[in-house]
N, C-alpha and C. Protein backbone atom coordinates (compact mmCIF):
# COMPACT_ATOMS: atom_id res chain seq x y z
N MET A 1 40.85 -14.05 -74.70
CA MET A 1 42.11 -14.58 -74.19
C MET A 1 42.55 -15.78 -75.03
N ASN A 2 43.81 -15.85 -75.23
CA ASN A 2 44.38 -16.93 -76.03
C ASN A 2 45.12 -17.90 -75.10
N PHE A 3 44.67 -19.17 -75.08
CA PHE A 3 45.33 -20.21 -74.30
C PHE A 3 45.59 -21.42 -75.21
N PRO A 4 46.79 -21.53 -75.77
CA PRO A 4 47.07 -22.66 -76.65
C PRO A 4 46.85 -24.00 -75.93
N ASP A 5 46.28 -24.96 -76.66
CA ASP A 5 45.95 -26.24 -76.02
C ASP A 5 47.13 -27.20 -75.94
N ASP A 6 48.28 -26.82 -76.50
CA ASP A 6 49.45 -27.70 -76.39
C ASP A 6 50.33 -27.35 -75.19
N LEU A 7 49.86 -26.42 -74.35
CA LEU A 7 50.64 -26.00 -73.18
C LEU A 7 50.02 -26.53 -71.90
N LYS A 8 50.82 -26.49 -70.84
CA LYS A 8 50.34 -26.75 -69.48
C LYS A 8 50.41 -25.42 -68.73
N TYR A 9 49.60 -25.27 -67.70
CA TYR A 9 49.47 -23.99 -67.01
C TYR A 9 49.55 -24.15 -65.50
N THR A 10 49.90 -23.02 -64.82
CA THR A 10 49.91 -23.01 -63.36
C THR A 10 48.81 -22.06 -62.87
N ARG A 11 48.47 -22.16 -61.61
CA ARG A 11 47.50 -21.24 -61.01
C ARG A 11 48.10 -19.85 -60.80
N GLU A 12 49.41 -19.74 -60.96
CA GLU A 12 50.08 -18.45 -60.86
C GLU A 12 50.20 -17.80 -62.25
N HIS A 13 49.62 -18.42 -63.26
CA HIS A 13 49.53 -17.90 -64.64
C HIS A 13 50.83 -18.00 -65.44
N GLU A 14 51.64 -19.01 -65.16
CA GLU A 14 52.76 -19.35 -66.03
C GLU A 14 52.31 -20.47 -66.95
N TRP A 15 52.96 -20.55 -68.11
CA TRP A 15 52.73 -21.66 -69.03
C TRP A 15 54.02 -22.46 -69.18
N ALA A 16 53.87 -23.72 -69.58
CA ALA A 16 55.01 -24.61 -69.80
C ALA A 16 54.79 -25.38 -71.09
N ARG A 17 55.82 -25.42 -71.93
CA ARG A 17 55.76 -26.14 -73.21
C ARG A 17 56.92 -27.13 -73.28
N GLN A 18 56.59 -28.42 -73.40
CA GLN A 18 57.62 -29.45 -73.58
C GLN A 18 58.25 -29.26 -74.96
N LYS A 19 59.57 -29.14 -75.01
CA LYS A 19 60.27 -29.00 -76.28
C LYS A 19 61.51 -29.88 -76.19
N GLY A 20 61.36 -31.11 -76.67
CA GLY A 20 62.45 -32.08 -76.54
C GLY A 20 62.67 -32.41 -75.07
N ALA A 21 63.91 -32.29 -74.62
CA ALA A 21 64.24 -32.61 -73.22
C ALA A 21 64.08 -31.42 -72.29
N LYS A 22 63.64 -30.28 -72.85
CA LYS A 22 63.51 -29.10 -71.99
C LYS A 22 62.07 -28.60 -71.97
N VAL A 23 61.81 -27.71 -71.02
CA VAL A 23 60.48 -27.13 -70.86
C VAL A 23 60.63 -25.61 -70.96
N LEU A 24 59.99 -25.00 -71.97
CA LEU A 24 59.97 -23.55 -72.09
C LEU A 24 58.91 -23.00 -71.14
N VAL A 25 59.19 -21.82 -70.56
CA VAL A 25 58.31 -21.22 -69.56
C VAL A 25 58.09 -19.75 -69.88
N GLY A 26 56.86 -19.29 -69.68
CA GLY A 26 56.53 -17.88 -69.82
C GLY A 26 55.28 -17.58 -69.03
N ILE A 27 54.74 -16.36 -69.20
CA ILE A 27 53.48 -16.03 -68.55
C ILE A 27 52.37 -16.04 -69.59
N THR A 28 51.15 -16.28 -69.13
CA THR A 28 50.01 -16.43 -70.04
C THR A 28 49.51 -15.09 -70.57
N ASP A 29 48.69 -15.20 -71.59
CA ASP A 29 48.03 -14.03 -72.16
C ASP A 29 47.22 -13.32 -71.08
N PHE A 30 46.55 -14.06 -70.23
CA PHE A 30 45.78 -13.47 -69.13
C PHE A 30 46.69 -12.67 -68.21
N ALA A 31 47.84 -13.25 -67.84
CA ALA A 31 48.77 -12.59 -66.92
C ALA A 31 49.30 -11.29 -67.52
N GLN A 32 49.74 -11.33 -68.78
CA GLN A 32 50.27 -10.11 -69.39
C GLN A 32 49.18 -9.05 -69.52
N ASP A 33 47.95 -9.48 -69.77
CA ASP A 33 46.84 -8.53 -69.89
C ASP A 33 46.56 -7.86 -68.54
N GLN A 34 46.60 -8.63 -67.47
CA GLN A 34 46.37 -8.11 -66.13
C GLN A 34 47.50 -7.16 -65.69
N LEU A 35 48.72 -7.48 -66.10
CA LEU A 35 49.87 -6.66 -65.73
C LEU A 35 49.88 -5.31 -66.43
N GLY A 36 49.44 -5.27 -67.66
CA GLY A 36 49.59 -4.06 -68.46
C GLY A 36 50.95 -4.09 -69.15
N ASP A 37 51.42 -2.92 -69.55
CA ASP A 37 52.67 -2.84 -70.31
C ASP A 37 53.87 -3.30 -69.49
N VAL A 38 54.51 -4.39 -69.94
CA VAL A 38 55.70 -4.91 -69.25
C VAL A 38 56.89 -4.02 -69.62
N VAL A 39 57.59 -3.54 -68.58
CA VAL A 39 58.72 -2.63 -68.79
C VAL A 39 60.06 -3.21 -68.35
N TYR A 40 60.03 -4.32 -67.60
CA TYR A 40 61.27 -4.89 -67.09
C TYR A 40 61.05 -6.36 -66.76
N VAL A 41 62.04 -7.18 -67.08
CA VAL A 41 61.99 -8.61 -66.74
C VAL A 41 63.33 -8.99 -66.11
N GLU A 42 63.28 -9.62 -64.95
CA GLU A 42 64.48 -10.12 -64.27
C GLU A 42 64.41 -11.64 -64.28
N LEU A 43 65.40 -12.26 -64.92
CA LEU A 43 65.40 -13.71 -65.08
C LEU A 43 66.66 -14.32 -64.47
N PRO A 44 66.63 -15.61 -64.16
CA PRO A 44 67.82 -16.27 -63.60
C PRO A 44 68.89 -16.47 -64.67
N ALA A 45 70.04 -16.93 -64.24
CA ALA A 45 71.15 -17.21 -65.16
C ALA A 45 71.09 -18.67 -65.61
N VAL A 46 71.65 -18.93 -66.78
CA VAL A 46 71.80 -20.31 -67.24
C VAL A 46 72.64 -21.04 -66.19
N GLY A 47 72.19 -22.24 -65.82
CA GLY A 47 72.88 -23.03 -64.81
C GLY A 47 72.23 -22.95 -63.43
N ASP A 48 71.39 -21.93 -63.21
CA ASP A 48 70.68 -21.81 -61.93
C ASP A 48 69.68 -22.95 -61.78
N GLU A 49 69.46 -23.37 -60.56
CA GLU A 49 68.44 -24.37 -60.25
C GLU A 49 67.15 -23.65 -59.85
N VAL A 50 66.02 -24.17 -60.32
CA VAL A 50 64.72 -23.64 -59.92
C VAL A 50 63.91 -24.77 -59.31
N LYS A 51 62.98 -24.40 -58.43
CA LYS A 51 62.16 -25.40 -57.75
C LYS A 51 60.69 -25.11 -58.04
N LYS A 52 59.95 -26.14 -58.39
CA LYS A 52 58.53 -26.02 -58.71
C LYS A 52 57.81 -25.22 -57.62
N GLY A 53 57.06 -24.21 -58.06
CA GLY A 53 56.27 -23.40 -57.15
C GLY A 53 57.03 -22.27 -56.48
N GLU A 54 58.34 -22.18 -56.72
CA GLU A 54 59.14 -21.12 -56.10
C GLU A 54 59.50 -20.06 -57.14
N SER A 55 59.75 -18.86 -56.66
CA SER A 55 60.05 -17.74 -57.53
C SER A 55 61.37 -17.93 -58.27
N PHE A 56 61.37 -17.59 -59.57
CA PHE A 56 62.60 -17.66 -60.35
C PHE A 56 62.96 -16.30 -60.96
N GLY A 57 62.09 -15.31 -60.80
CA GLY A 57 62.36 -14.00 -61.37
C GLY A 57 61.22 -13.04 -61.11
N VAL A 58 61.29 -11.90 -61.79
CA VAL A 58 60.32 -10.83 -61.58
C VAL A 58 59.96 -10.22 -62.93
N VAL A 59 58.69 -9.85 -63.06
CA VAL A 59 58.25 -9.08 -64.21
C VAL A 59 57.62 -7.80 -63.66
N GLU A 60 58.03 -6.67 -64.23
CA GLU A 60 57.56 -5.38 -63.77
C GLU A 60 56.79 -4.71 -64.90
N SER A 61 55.64 -4.17 -64.55
CA SER A 61 54.83 -3.47 -65.55
C SER A 61 54.53 -2.07 -65.05
N THR A 62 53.78 -1.33 -65.86
CA THR A 62 53.38 0.00 -65.45
C THR A 62 52.39 -0.05 -64.28
N LYS A 63 51.80 -1.21 -64.03
CA LYS A 63 50.82 -1.36 -62.95
C LYS A 63 51.38 -2.02 -61.70
N ALA A 64 52.31 -2.99 -61.86
CA ALA A 64 52.70 -3.81 -60.72
C ALA A 64 54.04 -4.51 -60.96
N VAL A 65 54.58 -5.05 -59.86
CA VAL A 65 55.74 -5.93 -59.92
C VAL A 65 55.24 -7.30 -59.48
N SER A 66 55.50 -8.32 -60.28
CA SER A 66 55.01 -9.66 -59.96
C SER A 66 56.15 -10.67 -60.04
N GLU A 67 56.13 -11.60 -59.08
CA GLU A 67 57.10 -12.68 -59.12
C GLU A 67 56.71 -13.70 -60.18
N LEU A 68 57.71 -14.39 -60.69
CA LEU A 68 57.50 -15.49 -61.63
C LEU A 68 57.77 -16.79 -60.88
N PHE A 69 56.92 -17.79 -61.09
CA PHE A 69 57.05 -19.05 -60.36
C PHE A 69 57.32 -20.21 -61.30
N ALA A 70 58.26 -21.05 -60.93
CA ALA A 70 58.65 -22.19 -61.77
C ALA A 70 57.54 -23.25 -61.80
N PRO A 71 57.14 -23.67 -63.00
CA PRO A 71 56.13 -24.72 -63.11
C PRO A 71 56.69 -26.11 -62.85
N VAL A 72 58.01 -26.26 -63.02
CA VAL A 72 58.70 -27.53 -62.76
C VAL A 72 60.05 -27.23 -62.13
N SER A 73 60.61 -28.22 -61.44
CA SER A 73 61.94 -28.09 -60.86
C SER A 73 62.99 -28.53 -61.87
N GLY A 74 64.17 -27.93 -61.78
CA GLY A 74 65.25 -28.35 -62.66
C GLY A 74 66.29 -27.26 -62.84
N LYS A 75 67.10 -27.44 -63.88
CA LYS A 75 68.18 -26.49 -64.17
C LYS A 75 67.81 -25.60 -65.34
N VAL A 76 68.08 -24.32 -65.21
CA VAL A 76 67.85 -23.37 -66.29
C VAL A 76 68.92 -23.62 -67.36
N VAL A 77 68.47 -23.97 -68.58
CA VAL A 77 69.41 -24.26 -69.67
C VAL A 77 69.41 -23.19 -70.75
N GLU A 78 68.40 -22.30 -70.74
CA GLU A 78 68.35 -21.18 -71.67
C GLU A 78 67.59 -20.04 -71.01
N VAL A 79 67.99 -18.82 -71.38
CA VAL A 79 67.29 -17.62 -70.94
C VAL A 79 67.02 -16.77 -72.17
N ASN A 80 65.83 -16.22 -72.26
CA ASN A 80 65.47 -15.37 -73.40
C ASN A 80 66.05 -13.97 -73.17
N ASP A 81 67.35 -13.83 -73.39
CA ASP A 81 68.06 -12.57 -73.15
C ASP A 81 67.47 -11.36 -73.87
N PRO A 82 66.92 -11.51 -75.10
CA PRO A 82 66.35 -10.33 -75.76
C PRO A 82 65.25 -9.63 -74.96
N LEU A 83 64.62 -10.33 -74.00
CA LEU A 83 63.57 -9.69 -73.19
C LEU A 83 64.13 -8.55 -72.34
N VAL A 84 65.41 -8.61 -71.99
CA VAL A 84 66.01 -7.54 -71.19
C VAL A 84 65.91 -6.21 -71.94
N GLU A 85 66.21 -6.25 -73.23
CA GLU A 85 66.16 -5.04 -74.05
C GLU A 85 64.76 -4.75 -74.60
N ALA A 86 63.96 -5.79 -74.75
CA ALA A 86 62.62 -5.63 -75.35
C ALA A 86 61.57 -6.39 -74.53
N PRO A 87 61.32 -5.95 -73.28
CA PRO A 87 60.35 -6.67 -72.43
C PRO A 87 58.92 -6.63 -72.97
N GLU A 88 58.65 -5.71 -73.89
CA GLU A 88 57.31 -5.61 -74.47
C GLU A 88 56.93 -6.86 -75.26
N ALA A 89 57.90 -7.71 -75.61
CA ALA A 89 57.59 -8.98 -76.29
C ALA A 89 56.68 -9.86 -75.44
N VAL A 90 56.74 -9.70 -74.12
CA VAL A 90 55.85 -10.46 -73.23
C VAL A 90 54.40 -10.10 -73.50
N ASN A 91 54.13 -8.81 -73.76
CA ASN A 91 52.77 -8.37 -74.08
C ASN A 91 52.38 -8.74 -75.51
N GLU A 92 53.31 -8.54 -76.42
CA GLU A 92 53.00 -8.71 -77.85
C GLU A 92 52.84 -10.17 -78.27
N ASP A 93 53.62 -11.06 -77.66
CA ASP A 93 53.64 -12.46 -78.08
C ASP A 93 54.05 -13.36 -76.91
N PRO A 94 53.18 -13.50 -75.89
CA PRO A 94 53.58 -14.19 -74.67
C PRO A 94 53.95 -15.67 -74.85
N TYR A 95 53.46 -16.30 -75.93
CA TYR A 95 53.71 -17.73 -76.10
C TYR A 95 54.87 -18.07 -77.04
N GLU A 96 55.38 -17.10 -77.77
CA GLU A 96 56.49 -17.38 -78.69
C GLU A 96 57.69 -16.49 -78.35
N GLU A 97 57.68 -15.24 -78.84
CA GLU A 97 58.81 -14.33 -78.61
C GLU A 97 58.97 -13.98 -77.13
N GLY A 98 57.87 -14.04 -76.38
CA GLY A 98 57.88 -13.64 -74.97
C GLY A 98 58.20 -14.74 -73.97
N TRP A 99 58.66 -15.91 -74.46
CA TRP A 99 59.05 -16.97 -73.50
C TRP A 99 60.18 -16.43 -72.63
N MET A 100 60.35 -17.02 -71.45
CA MET A 100 61.32 -16.46 -70.50
C MET A 100 62.54 -17.34 -70.27
N ILE A 101 62.29 -18.59 -69.85
CA ILE A 101 63.40 -19.50 -69.59
C ILE A 101 63.08 -20.90 -70.12
N ALA A 102 64.13 -21.69 -70.29
CA ALA A 102 63.98 -23.11 -70.60
C ALA A 102 64.61 -23.88 -69.45
N ILE A 103 63.88 -24.87 -68.97
CA ILE A 103 64.32 -25.68 -67.83
C ILE A 103 64.54 -27.11 -68.29
N GLU A 104 65.64 -27.69 -67.83
CA GLU A 104 65.85 -29.14 -67.99
C GLU A 104 65.23 -29.75 -66.74
N PRO A 105 64.05 -30.38 -66.87
CA PRO A 105 63.33 -30.82 -65.67
C PRO A 105 64.04 -31.94 -64.90
N ALA A 106 64.00 -31.81 -63.58
CA ALA A 106 64.56 -32.83 -62.70
C ALA A 106 63.65 -34.05 -62.66
N ASP A 107 62.33 -33.81 -62.72
CA ASP A 107 61.34 -34.87 -62.68
C ASP A 107 60.28 -34.59 -63.75
N PRO A 108 60.40 -35.25 -64.92
CA PRO A 108 59.45 -34.98 -66.01
C PRO A 108 57.98 -35.18 -65.63
N LYS A 109 57.71 -35.94 -64.57
CA LYS A 109 56.32 -36.16 -64.15
C LYS A 109 55.67 -34.87 -63.64
N GLU A 110 56.47 -33.90 -63.21
CA GLU A 110 55.90 -32.65 -62.71
C GLU A 110 55.10 -31.92 -63.78
N LEU A 111 55.51 -32.04 -65.02
CA LEU A 111 54.79 -31.38 -66.12
C LEU A 111 53.35 -31.90 -66.21
N ALA A 112 53.18 -33.19 -66.02
CA ALA A 112 51.84 -33.79 -66.10
C ALA A 112 50.92 -33.32 -64.97
N GLU A 113 51.51 -32.79 -63.89
CA GLU A 113 50.73 -32.34 -62.74
C GLU A 113 50.14 -30.94 -62.95
N LEU A 114 50.58 -30.25 -63.99
CA LEU A 114 50.08 -28.90 -64.26
C LEU A 114 48.68 -28.94 -64.88
N LEU A 115 48.05 -27.77 -64.95
CA LEU A 115 46.69 -27.68 -65.48
C LEU A 115 46.67 -27.80 -67.00
N ASP A 116 45.65 -28.49 -67.52
CA ASP A 116 45.47 -28.51 -68.98
C ASP A 116 44.70 -27.24 -69.37
N VAL A 117 44.54 -27.00 -70.66
CA VAL A 117 43.95 -25.76 -71.13
C VAL A 117 42.52 -25.58 -70.64
N LYS A 118 41.73 -26.64 -70.61
CA LYS A 118 40.34 -26.54 -70.19
C LYS A 118 40.25 -26.14 -68.72
N THR A 119 41.05 -26.77 -67.88
CA THR A 119 41.05 -26.46 -66.45
C THR A 119 41.55 -25.04 -66.20
N TYR A 120 42.61 -24.65 -66.92
CA TYR A 120 43.15 -23.30 -66.75
C TYR A 120 42.14 -22.24 -67.20
N ALA A 121 41.50 -22.46 -68.34
CA ALA A 121 40.50 -21.49 -68.83
C ALA A 121 39.36 -21.32 -67.83
N ALA A 122 38.92 -22.42 -67.20
CA ALA A 122 37.88 -22.35 -66.19
C ALA A 122 38.37 -21.57 -64.96
N PHE A 123 39.64 -21.80 -64.59
CA PHE A 123 40.25 -21.08 -63.47
C PHE A 123 40.30 -19.57 -63.75
N VAL A 124 40.69 -19.20 -64.95
CA VAL A 124 40.75 -17.79 -65.34
C VAL A 124 39.36 -17.17 -65.32
N ALA A 125 38.36 -17.90 -65.80
CA ALA A 125 36.98 -17.39 -65.82
C ALA A 125 36.51 -17.08 -64.41
N GLU A 126 36.93 -17.88 -63.42
CA GLU A 126 36.58 -17.62 -62.02
C GLU A 126 37.26 -16.35 -61.51
N GLN A 127 38.45 -16.05 -62.02
CA GLN A 127 39.23 -14.89 -61.58
C GLN A 127 38.66 -13.57 -62.08
N GLU A 128 37.98 -13.63 -63.22
CA GLU A 128 37.51 -12.39 -63.85
C GLU A 128 36.23 -11.86 -63.21
């Protein structure tokens, strides 16, 4: 499993990357591996508000349909629209091409509350 150490993680298997004033969000390598082949992604619109810990979309695979949960609260400022046509990018490159949304955080301190790579890797090891 690949867990970049420059990211923050949630117990729901989303990752968050600080990029300037925004936070990019996607699902982890572990999550995409557990889901299997991703065939559909439903994401919010630019301008939508998301709340930390609440669902912001859905990812559907050949095995299951799973909700996506916001790692931080704020406004959606970008959506990775190419995922609609090519959802397999979530499997192929979950940390770069497979990112899902960018959030302008309402409270930047929320990012610091997420799991670091060491804690997340230990959490994943318990799940397996």
